[in-house]
C-alpha cells in the first residue's frame, strides 16, 4: 500500500530490525497481579519468537491445554519483547515457574498469582525502544520531525504486519470475496477478515491525509475519545470541540467496516462511503461475515517520545495505546519504514 505521510517528506533513511535487540517492546499491562486466585501471571521476555508459539511452550510446561494459556496481545517476532501470559493454577507444575517454564527463545522473569485469565486487548499499551542503523539524514531535521510528532501525533494506520507476509492475508480476503469460498482454517479466516477491515480503514485514512483533515473534526464526525473505544456524534463542530481536538483529547474516526450502518453523517460519512465504494468485494465480504461496524481513531498520539541521534544511528522511545503500530510512527521519520517492517502478523 502506498500510504501518504502527514508531516511531509520523511527526513531520514535507515535500517530497522538488523538485530532483535534493535526493536524492543515492553507491554504495559496496566494493573498489578491480584496475589491470589486461579491463575498464574507470568512476565515473559522473548527474543525472535512468536507469541503463539511461546504460549504453546508454556502450556506444555504447565501441563495444560494451549487454549487455557492467556495473553493480551501479539508482539513482534523479530524483536526483544516483554509481555504477560496467564496459566491456570494450581497445576502439576514445577516449584519455580521462573526457571522451569523458560525455554529456547524465551524466559520467565516473574510469576504471581492472579484471579483472571488474560484476554486479548486487556493491556493498556506498549512502550517501544527502536534503534535505526545506517542513518542518513540531518539531525536537526530529524529533531524537528520528532517535535511535530510529539505535538500532533501521526495517522493511525494499520501496519504492514496486519496484511500478512507479502500481503498474504489481504490476498486471501480478496480471493474469498471473489470466489465465495472461505479458507478452511479458522485462524486464516480471522486474519483475512482483519486484513480486509484494516485495508478499508487505511484507505479512508489515506484519503483524509491527502485532504489534510485527518486530524480535524468534520461535520457529522463520529468523535473518538482519546484512549477509549467510545465515541459520540457531532453534527456541527463548535469551538469547544475544536479546542479538545487540538489538544488531542478527542479525535476524528474511521470505519472498521461491518454489516450495520456507519454512525457518521454529513461530510464525514460522504468521504468514507466514497472511499469504501471502491472496494465493493471487501465491503460485501465483511458485511456477509456478520461483523458489526466499529470505529477507530484516525489519529495516533505518541506519548513520552524521546530520541537520541548518534554516530550513524538514532534511538527512538515512545508509548502507544494497544492495537496500534510503531510502523505508523516510523513511517513519518524514515523513507523506507513501511517496506522494512516485518511482514508477519506477530
Protein backbone atom coordinates (compact mmCIF):
# COMPACT_ATOMS: atom_id res chain seq x y z
CA UNK A 1 0.00 0.00 0.00
CA UNK A 2 1.15 3.50 -0.80
CA UNK A 3 0.01 5.39 2.30
CA UNK A 4 0.84 9.10 2.44
CA UNK A 5 2.67 10.79 5.28
CA UNK A 6 1.02 13.63 7.19
CA UNK A 7 4.03 15.75 8.12
CA UNK A 8 5.74 15.96 4.76
CA UNK A 9 8.74 14.19 3.32
CA UNK A 10 10.44 11.88 5.87
CA UNK A 11 13.75 13.42 6.96
CA UNK A 12 15.89 10.26 7.01
CA UNK A 13 16.62 6.78 5.74
CA UNK A 14 17.94 3.88 7.78
CA UNK A 15 17.64 0.21 8.66
CA UNK A 16 15.46 -1.26 11.38
CA UNK A 17 15.43 -4.75 12.93
CA UNK A 18 19.04 -5.50 12.00
CA UNK A 19 19.21 -7.38 15.33
CA UNK A 20 16.27 -8.36 17.56
CA UNK A 21 17.64 -6.00 20.23
CA UNK A 22 17.11 -3.10 17.81
CA UNK A 23 13.35 -3.41 18.30
CA UNK A 24 12.29 -3.69 21.93
CA UNK A 25 8.69 -3.76 23.14
CA UNK A 26 7.52 -3.72 26.74
CA UNK A 27 3.86 -4.41 27.32
CA UNK A 28 2.15 -2.06 29.76
CA UNK A 29 -0.38 -4.35 31.35
CA UNK A 30 -2.00 -1.55 33.34
CA UNK A 31 -2.71 -3.46 36.57
CA UNK A 32 -0.95 -5.39 39.33
CA UNK A 33 -1.38 -9.14 39.92
CA UNK A 34 -4.06 -9.93 42.50
CA UNK A 35 -1.69 -12.10 44.55
CA UNK A 36 -4.33 -14.85 44.76
CA UNK A 37 -6.75 -16.68 42.51
CA UNK A 38 -6.99 -19.43 39.94
CA UNK A 39 -4.25 -18.31 37.55
CA UNK A 40 -0.53 -17.68 37.49
CA UNK A 41 0.52 -14.43 35.81
CA UNK A 42 3.92 -14.78 34.12
CA UNK A 43 6.10 -11.92 32.89
CA UNK A 44 7.92 -13.35 29.87
CA UNK A 45 10.79 -11.97 27.80
CA UNK A 46 11.05 -13.43 24.32
CA UNK A 47 13.65 -12.95 21.58
CA UNK A 48 12.94 -13.85 17.96
CA UNK A 49 9.91 -15.90 18.98
CA UNK A 50 6.24 -15.90 18.04
CA UNK A 51 3.71 -15.12 20.79
CA UNK A 52 1.51 -18.09 19.96
CA UNK A 53 4.49 -20.44 19.96
CA UNK A 54 5.59 -19.19 23.39
CA UNK A 55 2.06 -19.73 24.69
CA UNK A 56 2.19 -23.34 23.44
CA UNK A 57 5.52 -23.91 25.19
CA UNK A 58 4.13 -22.52 28.45
CA UNK A 59 1.10 -24.80 28.13
CA UNK A 60 3.34 -27.83 27.70
CA UNK A 61 5.49 -26.88 30.70
CA UNK A 62 2.42 -26.31 32.88
CA UNK A 63 0.65 -29.43 31.67
CA UNK A 64 -2.44 -27.58 30.41
CA UNK A 65 -4.20 -27.20 27.07
CA UNK A 66 -2.84 -24.35 24.88
CA UNK A 67 -6.28 -22.68 24.84
CA UNK A 68 -6.05 -22.29 28.63
CA UNK A 69 -2.99 -20.03 28.32
CA UNK A 70 -3.95 -16.37 28.08
CA UNK A 71 -2.18 -13.32 26.72
CA UNK A 72 -3.31 -9.82 25.95
CA UNK A 73 -1.75 -9.12 22.57
CA UNK A 74 0.50 -10.36 19.80
CA UNK A 75 4.03 -8.97 19.94
CA UNK A 76 6.60 -8.64 17.19
CA UNK A 77 8.57 -11.76 16.35
CA UNK A 78 11.79 -10.09 15.17
CA UNK A 79 12.31 -8.22 18.41
CA UNK A 80 13.00 -8.50 22.10
CA UNK A 81 9.68 -8.14 23.88
CA UNK A 82 8.27 -8.42 27.37
CA UNK A 83 4.66 -9.37 27.89
CA UNK A 84 2.42 -11.21 30.33
CA UNK A 85 0.88 -14.67 29.97
CA UNK A 86 -1.53 -16.45 32.30
CA UNK A 87 -1.76 -20.20 33.03
CA UNK A 88 -4.31 -21.96 35.24
CA UNK A 89 -3.28 -22.63 38.86
CA UNK A 90 -2.86 -24.98 40.59
CA UNK A 91 -1.38 -27.43 38.08
CA UNK A 92 1.10 -30.25 38.26
CA UNK A 93 3.82 -27.67 37.83
CA UNK A 94 7.40 -27.17 38.97
CA UNK A 95 8.05 -25.29 42.19
CA UNK A 96 9.77 -22.39 40.42
CA UNK A 97 7.95 -21.38 37.20
CA UNK A 98 10.58 -18.71 36.51
CA UNK A 99 13.11 -21.47 35.95
CA UNK A 100 11.12 -24.45 34.73
CA UNK A 101 8.78 -22.65 32.34
CA UNK A 102 11.59 -20.93 30.40
CA UNK A 103 12.85 -22.33 27.10
CA UNK A 104 14.65 -21.58 23.84
CA UNK A 105 13.83 -18.03 22.74
CA UNK A 106 12.03 -17.02 25.94
CA UNK A 107 12.41 -16.83 29.69
CA UNK A 108 10.04 -16.17 32.57
CA UNK A 109 11.15 -13.16 34.59
CA UNK A 110 8.47 -13.15 37.30
CA UNK A 111 5.40 -15.09 38.41
CA UNK A 112 2.49 -14.13 40.65
CA UNK A 113 -1.00 -15.44 41.42
CA UNK A 114 -3.88 -13.72 39.68
CA UNK A 115 -7.64 -14.10 39.65
CA UNK A 116 -8.39 -13.99 35.92
CA UNK A 117 -7.17 -15.36 32.63
CA UNK A 118 -5.64 -12.71 30.37
CA UNK A 119 -7.88 -11.82 27.43
CA UNK A 120 -6.98 -10.13 24.11
CA UNK A 121 -6.85 -6.37 24.49
CA UNK A 122 -6.66 -6.39 28.28
CA UNK A 123 -3.37 -4.44 28.38
CA UNK A 124 -3.14 -0.64 28.35
CA UNK A 125 -0.44 -0.20 25.71
CA UNK A 126 3.19 -0.76 24.79
CA UNK A 127 6.49 1.01 25.32
CA UNK A 128 8.85 0.85 22.32
CA UNK A 129 12.59 1.37 22.06
CA UNK A 130 13.80 1.24 18.46
CA UNK A 131 17.28 1.65 17.06
CA UNK A 132 17.65 2.79 13.45
CA UNK A 133 21.04 1.90 11.95
CA UNK A 134 22.89 3.29 8.91
CA UNK A 135 21.08 6.57 9.40
CA UNK A 136 21.24 9.17 6.65
CA UNK A 137 19.64 12.49 7.49
CA UNK A 138 20.19 15.88 9.09
CA UNK A 139 19.93 15.57 12.91
CA UNK A 140 18.21 18.98 13.02
CA UNK A 141 15.55 17.84 10.55
CA UNK A 142 15.04 14.61 12.49
CA UNK A 143 14.63 16.55 15.73
CA UNK A 144 12.12 18.89 14.09
CA UNK A 145 10.08 15.93 12.86
CA UNK A 146 10.05 14.41 16.34
CA UNK A 147 8.68 17.63 17.76
CA UNK A 148 5.93 17.60 15.13
CA UNK A 149 5.01 14.03 16.01
CA UNK A 150 5.00 14.72 19.75
CA UNK A 151 2.72 17.73 19.28
CA UNK A 152 0.32 16.45 16.62
CA UNK A 153 0.52 12.65 16.58
CA UNK A 154 0.59 10.55 13.40
CA UNK A 155 -2.01 8.89 11.16
CA UNK A 156 -3.20 5.75 12.92
CA UNK A 157 -2.51 3.35 10.06
CA UNK A 158 -2.66 -0.40 10.46
CA UNK A 159 0.90 -1.52 9.78
CA UNK A 160 2.03 -3.96 7.07
CA UNK A 161 2.09 -6.72 9.71
CA UNK A 162 -1.73 -6.74 9.66
CA UNK A 163 -1.82 -7.77 6.00
CA UNK A 164 0.47 -10.78 6.33
CA UNK A 165 3.80 -11.64 4.80
CA UNK A 166 3.83 -10.28 1.24
CA UNK A 167 0.18 -9.30 1.75
CA UNK A 168 -0.96 -12.92 2.06
CA UNK A 169 -3.83 -12.17 4.46
CA UNK A 170 -5.26 -9.48 2.20
CA UNK A 171 -4.82 -11.66 -0.89
CA UNK A 172 -6.72 -14.42 0.90
CA UNK A 173 -9.54 -11.97 1.70
CA UNK A 174 -9.78 -10.86 -1.93
CA UNK A 175 -9.88 -14.45 -3.13
CA UNK A 176 -12.62 -15.21 -0.59
CA UNK A 177 -14.61 -12.19 -1.76
CA UNK A 178 -14.27 -13.12 -5.45
CA UNK A 179 -14.80 -16.88 -5.26
CA UNK A 180 -17.11 -17.06 -2.25
CA UNK A 181 -15.05 -19.87 -0.74
CA UNK A 182 -13.80 -19.21 2.80
CA UNK A 183 -10.41 -20.51 3.96
CA UNK A 184 -10.77 -23.81 5.77
CA UNK A 185 -8.53 -22.82 8.65
CA UNK A 186 -10.28 -20.73 11.29
CA UNK A 187 -7.20 -18.61 12.00
CA UNK A 188 -6.76 -17.87 8.30
CA UNK A 189 -10.39 -16.75 8.07
CA UNK A 190 -9.88 -14.44 11.02
CA UNK A 191 -6.66 -12.97 9.59
CA UNK A 192 -8.32 -12.46 6.20
CA UNK A 193 -11.29 -10.58 7.64
CA UNK A 194 -9.00 -8.48 9.80
CA UNK A 195 -6.85 -7.60 6.78
CA UNK A 196 -9.93 -6.63 4.74
CA UNK A 197 -11.20 -4.38 7.53
CA UNK A 198 -7.78 -2.82 8.00
CA UNK A 199 -7.41 -2.14 4.29
CA UNK A 200 -10.70 -0.23 4.13
CA UNK A 201 -9.75 1.77 7.23
CA UNK A 202 -6.31 2.62 5.83
CA UNK A 203 -7.91 3.69 2.54
CA UNK A 204 -10.25 6.10 4.34
CA UNK A 205 -7.42 7.44 6.50
CA UNK A 206 -5.10 7.88 3.50
CA UNK A 207 -7.80 9.90 1.75
CA UNK A 208 -8.22 12.13 4.81
CA UNK A 209 -4.43 12.60 4.97
CA UNK A 210 -4.36 13.67 1.33
CA UNK A 211 -7.24 16.05 2.01
CA UNK A 212 -5.38 17.49 5.00
CA UNK A 213 -8.17 16.87 7.54
CA UNK A 214 -7.08 13.56 9.12
CA UNK A 215 -6.56 15.42 12.42
CA UNK A 216 -9.58 17.72 12.17
CA UNK A 217 -13.24 17.18 13.04
CA UNK A 218 -15.71 17.40 10.18
CA UNK A 219 -19.48 17.93 10.36
CA UNK A 220 -21.09 14.57 11.02
CA UNK A 221 -17.94 13.14 12.62
CA UNK A 222 -18.08 10.14 14.94
CA UNK A 223 -15.74 11.65 17.51
CA UNK A 224 -13.47 9.24 19.42
CA UNK A 225 -12.46 9.89 22.99
CA UNK A 226 -8.70 9.63 23.47
CA UNK A 227 -7.60 6.28 24.86
CA UNK A 228 -11.07 4.78 24.63
CA UNK A 229 -13.18 2.97 22.05
CA UNK A 230 -16.29 5.00 22.74
CA UNK A 231 -17.43 7.86 20.52
CA UNK A 232 -20.14 10.46 20.17
CA UNK A 233 -21.71 12.08 17.12
CA UNK A 234 -21.07 15.72 16.25
CA UNK A 235 -23.39 17.15 13.62
CA UNK A 236 -21.66 20.50 13.98
CA UNK A 237 -18.17 21.35 15.21
CA UNK A 238 -18.06 24.19 17.70
CA UNK A 239 -15.09 25.99 19.26
CA UNK A 240 -15.06 23.70 22.30
CA UNK A 241 -14.74 20.59 20.17
CA UNK A 242 -12.07 22.20 18.03
CA UNK A 243 -10.06 23.03 21.14
CA UNK A 244 -10.40 19.49 22.51
CA UNK A 245 -9.27 18.08 19.18
CA UNK A 246 -6.27 20.41 19.10
CA UNK A 247 -5.06 19.20 22.50
CA UNK A 248 -5.54 15.53 21.48
CA UNK A 249 -8.42 14.90 23.88
CA UNK A 250 -10.72 13.75 21.06
CA UNK A 251 -10.03 12.53 17.52
CA UNK A 252 -11.79 12.03 14.20
CA UNK A 253 -12.58 8.39 13.48
CA UNK A 254 -12.76 5.99 10.58
CA UNK A 255 -14.72 2.81 9.90
CA UNK A 256 -13.93 -0.74 10.92
CA UNK A 257 -16.45 -1.95 8.40
CA UNK A 258 -19.33 -4.24 9.27
CA UNK A 259 -22.95 -5.01 8.49
CA UNK A 260 -24.67 -2.24 10.44
CA UNK A 261 -24.72 1.36 9.24
CA UNK A 262 -21.92 3.79 9.91
CA UNK A 263 -22.73 6.20 12.75
CA UNK A 264 -21.11 9.07 10.86
CA UNK A 265 -23.17 11.53 8.86
CA UNK A 266 -22.76 14.58 6.68
CA UNK A 267 -19.35 15.30 5.17
CA UNK A 268 -17.56 12.67 7.26
CA UNK A 269 -19.91 9.92 6.02
CA UNK A 270 -19.71 11.09 2.41
CA UNK A 271 -15.92 10.75 2.45
CA UNK A 272 -15.77 7.27 3.94
CA UNK A 273 -18.59 5.86 1.81
CA UNK A 274 -16.93 7.24 -1.32
CA UNK A 275 -13.66 5.51 -0.45
CA UNK A 276 -15.18 2.20 0.62
CA UNK A 277 -17.28 2.08 -2.57
CA UNK A 278 -14.00 1.50 -4.45
CA UNK A 279 -13.68 -1.90 -2.71
CA UNK A 280 -17.13 -3.47 -3.16
CA UNK A 281 -15.83 -7.03 -2.77
CA UNK A 282 -14.16 -6.44 0.59
CA UNK A 283 -17.13 -4.41 1.80
CA UNK A 284 -19.59 -7.19 0.91
CA UNK A 285 -17.33 -9.82 2.46
CA UNK A 286 -17.23 -8.04 5.81
CA UNK A 287 -20.96 -7.46 5.85
CA UNK A 288 -21.77 -11.07 4.94
CA UNK A 289 -19.36 -12.35 7.62
CA UNK A 290 -21.57 -10.70 10.25
CA UNK A 291 -19.00 -8.30 11.67
CA UNK A 292 -20.50 -5.27 13.39
CA UNK A 293 -19.43 -1.80 12.32
CA UNK A 294 -16.93 -0.27 14.78
CA UNK A 295 -14.82 2.86 14.91
CA UNK A 296 -11.09 3.54 15.19
CA UNK A 297 -9.32 6.84 15.76
CA UNK A 298 -7.76 8.36 12.65
CA UNK A 299 -5.07 9.97 14.78
CA UNK A 300 -2.49 8.25 16.97
CA UNK A 301 -0.99 10.32 19.82
CA UNK A 302 2.64 9.40 20.50
CA UNK A 303 3.31 9.72 24.23
CA UNK A 304 6.59 10.09 26.12
CA UNK A 305 8.55 10.48 22.88
CA UNK A 306 12.33 10.59 23.27
CA UNK A 307 15.10 10.37 20.69
CA UNK A 308 18.89 10.36 20.61
CA UNK A 309 20.86 10.80 17.40
CA UNK A 310 24.26 9.14 17.48
CA UNK A 311 27.05 8.46 15.00
CA UNK A 312 25.18 6.73 12.20
CA UNK A 313 22.07 5.80 14.15
CA UNK A 314 19.09 7.14 16.07
CA UNK A 315 17.26 5.57 19.00
CA UNK A 316 13.57 6.32 19.49
CA UNK A 317 11.48 5.58 22.57
CA UNK A 318 7.74 6.17 22.85
CA UNK A 319 4.47 4.77 24.18
CA UNK A 320 1.43 3.77 22.14
CA UNK A 321 -2.02 2.50 23.15
CA UNK A 322 -2.96 -1.12 22.47
CA UNK A 323 -3.95 -2.07 18.95
CA UNK A 324 -1.67 0.47 17.28
CA UNK A 325 1.56 0.12 15.31
CA UNK A 326 5.05 1.53 15.79
CA UNK A 327 5.29 1.37 11.98
CA UNK A 328 2.88 4.31 11.83
CA UNK A 329 5.41 6.41 13.76
CA UNK A 330 8.44 5.24 11.80
CA UNK A 331 6.59 5.94 8.54
CA UNK A 332 6.76 9.67 9.32
CA UNK A 333 10.51 9.52 10.05
CA UNK A 334 12.05 7.06 7.57
CA UNK A 335 11.59 6.79 3.81
CA UNK A 336 11.67 3.01 3.82
CA UNK A 337 9.99 2.19 7.13
CA UNK A 338 6.85 0.72 5.55
CA UNK A 339 8.72 -1.67 3.27
CA UNK A 340 11.20 -2.65 6.01
CA UNK A 341 8.52 -3.67 8.50
CA UNK A 342 8.13 -7.29 9.50
CA UNK A 343 5.62 -8.97 7.23
CA UNK A 344 4.36 -11.42 9.86
CA UNK A 345 1.21 -10.91 11.91
CA UNK A 346 3.16 -11.40 15.14
